[in-house]
């Protein structure tokens, strides 16, 4: 799952803005 991988990268970079966008996208994809 690409979303999970992107979230991991986001966590390493600690980019709050990008991380929030990825989390929102993940919430829409996952039930």
PDB file of N, CA and C in Angstrom:
ATOM      1  N   UNK A   1       0.848  -1.199   0.000  1.00  0.00           N
ATOM      2  CA  UNK A   1       0.000   0.000   0.000  1.00  0.00           C
ATOM      3  C   UNK A   1       0.880   1.243   0.000  1.00  0.00           C
ATOM      4  N   UNK A   2       0.749   2.037  -1.018  1.00  0.00           N
ATOM      5  CA  UNK A   2       1.609   3.211  -1.159  1.00  0.00           C
ATOM      6  C   UNK A   2       1.342   4.227  -0.050  1.00  0.00           C
ATOM      7  N   UNK A   3       0.083   4.347   0.364  1.00  0.00           N
ATOM      8  CA  UNK A   3      -0.280   5.343   1.383  1.00  0.00           C
ATOM      9  C   UNK A   3       0.504   5.089   2.670  1.00  0.00           C
ATOM     10  N   UNK A   4       0.600   3.825   3.054  1.00  0.00           N
ATOM     11  CA  UNK A   4       1.313   3.484   4.287  1.00  0.00           C
ATOM     12  C   UNK A   4       2.782   3.839   4.144  1.00  0.00           C
ATOM     13  N   UNK A   5       3.349   3.531   2.989  1.00  0.00           N
ATOM     14  CA  UNK A   5       4.762   3.818   2.768  1.00  0.00           C
ATOM     15  C   UNK A   5       5.014   5.322   2.815  1.00  0.00           C
ATOM     16  N   UNK A   6       4.135   6.100   2.192  1.00  0.00           N
ATOM     17  CA  UNK A   6       4.278   7.554   2.195  1.00  0.00           C
ATOM     18  C   UNK A   6       4.170   8.082   3.619  1.00  0.00           C
ATOM     19  N   UNK A   7       3.286   7.502   4.403  1.00  0.00           N
ATOM     20  CA  UNK A   7       3.125   7.941   5.793  1.00  0.00           C
ATOM     21  C   UNK A   7       4.419   7.708   6.558  1.00  0.00           C
ATOM     22  N   UNK A   8       5.093   6.576   6.309  1.00  0.00           N
ATOM     23  CA  UNK A   8       6.349   6.277   6.992  1.00  0.00           C
ATOM     24  C   UNK A   8       7.395   7.320   6.636  1.00  0.00           C
ATOM     25  N   UNK A   9       7.488   7.653   5.361  1.00  0.00           N
ATOM     26  CA  UNK A   9       8.447   8.657   4.911  1.00  0.00           C
ATOM     27  C   UNK A   9       8.129   9.991   5.553  1.00  0.00           C
ATOM     28  N   UNK A  10       6.843  10.314   5.623  1.00  0.00           N
ATOM     29  CA  UNK A  10       6.397  11.571   6.225  1.00  0.00           C
ATOM     30  C   UNK A  10       6.823  11.626   7.681  1.00  0.00           C
ATOM     31  N   UNK A  11       6.650  10.532   8.395  1.00  0.00           N
ATOM     32  CA  UNK A  11       6.992  10.492   9.814  1.00  0.00           C
ATOM     33  C   UNK A  11       8.487  10.748   9.993  1.00  0.00           C
ATOM     34  N   UNK A  12       9.303  10.211   9.092  1.00  0.00           N
ATOM     35  CA  UNK A  12      10.755  10.398   9.189  1.00  0.00           C
ATOM     36  C   UNK A  12      11.116  11.854   8.927  1.00  0.00           C
ATOM     37  N   UNK A  13      10.441  12.456   7.956  1.00  0.00           N
ATOM     38  CA  UNK A  13      10.751  13.847   7.616  1.00  0.00           C
ATOM     39  C   UNK A  13      10.127  14.813   8.624  1.00  0.00           C
ATOM     40  N   UNK A  14       9.101  14.333   9.338  1.00  0.00           N
ATOM     41  CA  UNK A  14       8.414  15.153  10.346  1.00  0.00           C
ATOM     42  C   UNK A  14       7.854  16.419   9.722  1.00  0.00           C
ATOM     43  N   UNK A  15       7.199  16.264   8.561  1.00  0.00           N
ATOM     44  CA  UNK A  15       6.586  17.424   7.914  1.00  0.00           C
ATOM     45  C   UNK A  15       5.105  17.438   8.271  1.00  0.00           C
ATOM     46  N   UNK A  16       4.710  18.313   9.180  1.00  0.00           N
ATOM     47  CA  UNK A  16       3.333  18.333   9.678  1.00  0.00           C
ATOM     48  C   UNK A  16       2.316  18.540   8.570  1.00  0.00           C
ATOM     49  N   UNK A  17       2.504  19.556   7.726  1.00  0.00           N
ATOM     50  CA  UNK A  17       1.524  19.865   6.685  1.00  0.00           C
ATOM     51  C   UNK A  17       1.315  18.693   5.741  1.00  0.00           C
ATOM     52  N   UNK A  18       2.411  18.146   5.225  1.00  0.00           N
ATOM     53  CA  UNK A  18       2.306  17.034   4.281  1.00  0.00           C
ATOM     54  C   UNK A  18       1.719  15.809   4.979  1.00  0.00           C
ATOM     55  N   UNK A  19       2.129  15.602   6.213  1.00  0.00           N
ATOM     56  CA  UNK A  19       1.656  14.434   6.963  1.00  0.00           C
ATOM     57  C   UNK A  19       0.140  14.485   7.107  1.00  0.00           C
ATOM     58  N   UNK A  20      -0.406  15.647   7.419  1.00  0.00           N
ATOM     59  CA  UNK A  20      -1.851  15.782   7.583  1.00  0.00           C
ATOM     60  C   UNK A  20      -2.558  15.443   6.279  1.00  0.00           C
ATOM     61  N   UNK A  21      -2.029  15.909   5.166  1.00  0.00           N
ATOM     62  CA  UNK A  21      -2.656  15.629   3.869  1.00  0.00           C
ATOM     63  C   UNK A  21      -2.656  14.129   3.605  1.00  0.00           C
ATOM     64  N   UNK A  22      -1.564  13.458   3.898  1.00  0.00           N
ATOM     65  CA  UNK A  22      -1.475  12.017   3.668  1.00  0.00           C
ATOM     66  C   UNK A  22      -2.454  11.281   4.583  1.00  0.00           C
ATOM     67  N   UNK A  23      -2.543  11.717   5.842  1.00  0.00           N
ATOM     68  CA  UNK A  23      -3.459  11.062   6.775  1.00  0.00           C
ATOM     69  C   UNK A  23      -4.894  11.215   6.298  1.00  0.00           C
ATOM     70  N   UNK A  24      -5.252  12.408   5.825  1.00  0.00           N
ATOM     71  CA  UNK A  24      -6.611  12.637   5.332  1.00  0.00           C
ATOM     72  C   UNK A  24      -6.889  11.734   4.139  1.00  0.00           C
ATOM     73  N   UNK A  25      -5.912  11.599   3.256  1.00  0.00           N
ATOM     74  CA  UNK A  25      -6.077  10.741   2.087  1.00  0.00           C
ATOM     75  C   UNK A  25      -6.254   9.291   2.531  1.00  0.00           C
ATOM     76  N   UNK A  26      -5.465   8.873   3.511  1.00  0.00           N
ATOM     77  CA  UNK A  26      -5.561   7.509   4.026  1.00  0.00           C
ATOM     78  C   UNK A  26      -6.930   7.247   4.642  1.00  0.00           C
ATOM     79  N   UNK A  27      -7.465   8.245   5.359  1.00  0.00           N
ATOM     80  CA  UNK A  27      -8.779   8.073   5.985  1.00  0.00           C
ATOM     81  C   UNK A  27      -9.846   7.865   4.921  1.00  0.00           C
ATOM     82  N   UNK A  28      -9.699   8.532   3.778  1.00  0.00           N
ATOM     83  CA  UNK A  28     -10.692   8.391   2.707  1.00  0.00           C
ATOM     84  C   UNK A  28     -10.576   7.013   2.056  1.00  0.00           C
ATOM     85  N   UNK A  29      -9.344   6.518   1.924  1.00  0.00           N
ATOM     86  CA  UNK A  29      -9.132   5.222   1.278  1.00  0.00           C
ATOM     87  C   UNK A  29      -9.529   4.085   2.218  1.00  0.00           C
ATOM     88  N   UNK A  30      -9.116   4.196   3.492  1.00  0.00           N
ATOM     89  CA  UNK A  30      -9.418   3.133   4.444  1.00  0.00           C
ATOM     90  C   UNK A  30     -10.749   3.407   5.133  1.00  0.00           C
ATOM     91  N   UNK A  31     -11.563   2.383   5.349  1.00  0.00           N
ATOM     92  CA  UNK A  31     -12.876   2.530   5.992  1.00  0.00           C
ATOM     93  C   UNK A  31     -12.743   2.873   7.474  1.00  0.00           C
TER      94      UNK A  31
END
